[in-house]
């Protein structure tokens, strides 16, 4: 699960991380990002674009925004299938947060990449509503003691593959199974 994340960067750092970048906006909301906040996401296409969208999918049946979608079943759910095949994005973040402990005594953990200043969380978006959701997967071993779910974090060439709208279902399924093991954590 990913219920909050942090972005401590500027537009120049984002442009330098994501190649073939076409800057459309300078709007960047830094700091701690909460569900329903507007935040810049990277959208694929002939040129990657950075646009501010609202965090949380709001299908007609939902009583509240869906901030996460399970990567294991996203292709099987009618709510998400079309988006995962045609409208994939990257949500850049410095880290994301998880909490561990009993109610009233939870400790907040910041989870980040050991190798990169920014992590690339896989997401899908709705262009008409200008909103997105973050895909999640089973947590990797070194952080599963904090929470059993984590964002689907992509690295290297997988970022470009995820954003490439020409990739078909077989490639997308393979990416959805990716497991980023280069994560560290600290108490926030």
Protein backbone atom coordinates (compact mmCIF):
# COMPACT_ATOMS: atom_id res chain seq x y z
CA UNK A 1 0.00 0.00 0.00
CA UNK A 2 1.10 3.53 -0.53
CA UNK A 3 -0.91 6.13 1.38
CA UNK A 4 1.57 8.98 1.37
CA UNK A 5 4.82 9.90 -0.29
CA UNK A 6 7.38 12.68 -0.27
CA UNK A 7 8.91 14.67 -3.11
CA UNK A 8 11.96 16.77 -2.26
CA UNK A 9 13.21 17.90 -5.61
CA UNK A 10 12.82 20.46 -8.34
CA UNK A 11 11.80 20.33 -11.98
CA UNK A 12 15.45 20.22 -13.16
CA UNK A 13 16.09 17.01 -11.20
CA UNK A 14 12.97 15.41 -12.65
CA UNK A 15 13.92 16.43 -16.20
CA UNK A 16 17.44 15.02 -15.76
CA UNK A 17 16.13 11.65 -14.52
CA UNK A 18 13.57 11.03 -17.26
CA UNK A 19 14.98 11.12 -20.82
CA UNK A 20 13.12 12.41 -23.90
CA UNK A 21 11.31 14.83 -21.68
CA UNK A 22 8.99 17.59 -22.83
CA UNK A 23 8.32 20.03 -20.03
CA UNK A 24 4.69 21.21 -20.08
CA UNK A 25 4.45 22.77 -16.66
CA UNK A 26 6.67 24.12 -13.94
CA UNK A 27 4.09 23.29 -11.30
CA UNK A 28 5.62 21.00 -8.74
CA UNK A 29 4.16 20.33 -5.34
CA UNK A 30 6.97 19.26 -3.10
CA UNK A 31 6.85 18.00 0.45
CA UNK A 32 4.56 15.32 1.84
CA UNK A 33 1.92 14.31 -0.69
CA UNK A 34 -1.50 13.12 0.51
CA UNK A 35 -4.32 11.37 -1.39
CA UNK A 36 -6.31 13.83 -3.55
CA UNK A 37 -3.33 16.24 -3.77
CA UNK A 38 -2.30 17.38 -7.24
CA UNK A 39 1.22 16.30 -8.10
CA UNK A 40 3.27 16.10 -11.28
CA UNK A 41 3.35 12.71 -13.00
CA UNK A 42 5.31 11.56 -16.05
CA UNK A 43 3.09 10.46 -18.95
CA UNK A 44 4.53 8.44 -21.82
CA UNK A 45 4.11 8.96 -25.52
CA UNK A 46 6.34 10.17 -28.33
CA UNK A 47 7.68 12.63 -25.80
CA UNK A 48 7.33 12.17 -22.07
CA UNK A 49 5.35 14.93 -20.40
CA UNK A 50 5.18 16.14 -16.83
CA UNK A 51 1.66 17.19 -15.85
CA UNK A 52 -0.13 17.81 -12.54
CA UNK A 53 -2.90 15.27 -11.83
CA UNK A 54 -4.95 14.48 -8.72
CA UNK A 55 -3.93 11.37 -6.76
CA UNK A 56 -6.97 9.09 -6.62
CA UNK A 57 -9.09 7.37 -9.25
CA UNK A 58 -12.80 8.03 -8.81
CA UNK A 59 -14.85 5.46 -10.72
CA UNK A 60 -18.63 5.89 -10.43
CA UNK A 61 -19.02 3.01 -7.95
CA UNK A 62 -16.36 4.24 -5.49
CA UNK A 63 -17.33 6.10 -2.33
CA UNK A 64 -13.83 7.55 -2.09
CA UNK A 65 -10.87 7.87 -4.47
CA UNK A 66 -8.91 4.70 -5.19
CA UNK A 67 -5.32 5.71 -4.46
CA UNK A 68 -3.82 2.26 -5.13
CA UNK A 69 -4.49 -0.66 -7.47
CA UNK A 70 -3.02 -4.15 -7.07
CA UNK A 71 -0.57 -4.89 -9.90
CA UNK A 72 -1.38 -8.61 -9.69
CA UNK A 73 -5.01 -8.06 -10.76
CA UNK A 74 -5.06 -4.68 -12.53
CA UNK A 75 -5.33 -6.27 -15.99
CA UNK A 76 -8.30 -8.36 -14.84
CA UNK A 77 -10.33 -5.45 -13.42
CA UNK A 78 -12.58 -3.56 -15.83
CA UNK A 79 -12.03 -0.39 -13.79
CA UNK A 80 -8.30 -0.38 -14.62
CA UNK A 81 -7.72 -2.61 -17.67
CA UNK A 82 -8.04 0.05 -20.35
CA UNK A 83 -5.80 2.47 -18.45
CA UNK A 84 -3.07 -0.08 -17.78
CA UNK A 85 -2.98 -0.97 -21.46
CA UNK A 86 -3.15 2.61 -22.79
CA UNK A 87 -2.51 5.22 -20.05
CA UNK A 88 0.51 4.39 -17.93
CA UNK A 89 2.50 6.93 -15.92
CA UNK A 90 5.36 7.27 -13.49
CA UNK A 91 4.89 9.02 -10.17
CA UNK A 92 8.28 10.40 -9.09
CA UNK A 93 8.99 10.50 -5.37
CA UNK A 94 11.92 10.85 -3.01
CA UNK A 95 10.39 8.22 -0.73
CA UNK A 96 7.07 6.79 0.32
CA UNK A 97 5.76 6.21 3.84
CA UNK A 98 4.40 3.22 5.73
CA UNK A 99 3.40 2.87 9.36
CA UNK A 100 3.99 -0.03 11.73
CA UNK A 101 2.62 -0.65 15.19
CA UNK A 102 -0.54 -0.59 17.25
CA UNK A 103 -3.16 2.08 16.80
CA UNK A 104 -2.06 5.21 18.63
CA UNK A 105 1.59 4.04 18.75
CA UNK A 106 2.48 3.68 15.08
CA UNK A 107 5.96 4.46 13.84
CA UNK A 108 6.32 6.16 10.49
CA UNK A 109 8.95 4.73 8.12
CA UNK A 110 10.38 6.49 5.06
CA UNK A 111 11.21 3.97 2.33
CA UNK A 112 13.59 5.10 -0.40
CA UNK A 113 15.95 3.82 -3.09
CA UNK A 114 19.50 3.00 -2.01
CA UNK A 115 20.74 3.89 -5.52
CA UNK A 116 18.64 6.79 -6.80
CA UNK A 117 17.57 10.22 -5.50
CA UNK A 118 14.09 9.62 -6.98
CA UNK A 119 12.00 6.47 -7.11
CA UNK A 120 9.70 5.80 -10.06
CA UNK A 121 6.35 4.44 -8.88
CA UNK A 122 4.28 2.86 -11.65
CA UNK A 123 0.83 4.33 -12.06
CA UNK A 124 -2.12 4.61 -14.40
CA UNK A 125 -4.18 7.70 -15.16
CA UNK A 126 -7.50 9.00 -16.42
CA UNK A 127 -6.90 11.80 -18.90
CA UNK A 128 -10.44 13.21 -18.75
CA UNK A 129 -10.58 13.51 -14.96
CA UNK A 130 -6.85 14.32 -14.65
CA UNK A 131 -6.33 11.76 -11.88
CA UNK A 132 -4.07 8.78 -11.26
CA UNK A 133 -3.57 5.79 -9.01
CA UNK A 134 -0.35 4.09 -7.90
CA UNK A 135 0.11 0.38 -8.56
CA UNK A 136 1.15 -1.80 -5.62
CA UNK A 137 2.65 -5.26 -5.22
CA UNK A 138 3.71 -7.66 -2.48
CA UNK A 139 6.49 -6.06 -0.41
CA UNK A 140 10.07 -7.21 -0.92
CA UNK A 141 11.68 -9.14 1.94
CA UNK A 142 13.74 -6.35 3.54
CA UNK A 143 10.69 -4.10 4.11
CA UNK A 144 7.87 -6.63 4.49
CA UNK A 145 8.15 -6.41 8.28
CA UNK A 146 6.79 -2.84 8.00
CA UNK A 147 3.89 -3.56 5.61
CA UNK A 148 2.94 -6.45 3.31
CA UNK A 149 2.37 -4.18 0.26
CA UNK A 150 4.52 -1.58 -1.50
CA UNK A 151 4.34 0.56 -4.64
CA UNK A 152 5.47 -1.05 -7.88
CA UNK A 153 8.81 0.75 -8.21
CA UNK A 154 10.49 0.57 -11.61
CA UNK A 155 14.17 1.08 -12.37
CA UNK A 156 16.35 1.60 -15.43
CA UNK A 157 14.94 0.59 -18.80
CA UNK A 158 11.69 -0.59 -17.22
CA UNK A 159 10.67 3.05 -16.75
CA UNK A 160 10.86 3.67 -20.52
CA UNK A 161 9.17 0.34 -21.25
CA UNK A 162 6.32 1.19 -18.87
CA UNK A 163 5.81 4.60 -20.48
CA UNK A 164 5.99 3.29 -24.07
CA UNK A 165 2.37 3.24 -25.34
CA UNK A 166 3.30 0.75 -28.09
CA UNK A 167 4.02 -2.06 -25.61
CA UNK A 168 1.35 -4.73 -25.62
CA UNK A 169 -0.19 -6.82 -22.85
CA UNK A 170 2.62 -9.42 -22.69
CA UNK A 171 5.27 -6.78 -21.99
CA UNK A 172 2.99 -5.01 -19.51
CA UNK A 173 2.35 -8.28 -17.61
CA UNK A 174 6.11 -8.88 -17.33
CA UNK A 175 6.70 -5.36 -15.97
CA UNK A 176 3.87 -5.78 -13.44
CA UNK A 177 5.83 -8.69 -11.95
CA UNK A 178 9.02 -6.66 -11.42
CA UNK A 179 10.52 -6.63 -7.93
CA UNK A 180 12.72 -3.67 -6.90
CA UNK A 181 15.09 -4.88 -4.19
CA UNK A 182 17.24 -1.73 -3.87
CA UNK A 183 15.18 -0.20 -1.07
CA UNK A 184 16.24 1.16 2.28
CA UNK A 185 14.21 2.51 5.17
CA UNK A 186 14.51 4.74 8.20
CA UNK A 187 12.17 6.07 10.85
CA UNK A 188 10.68 9.32 9.60
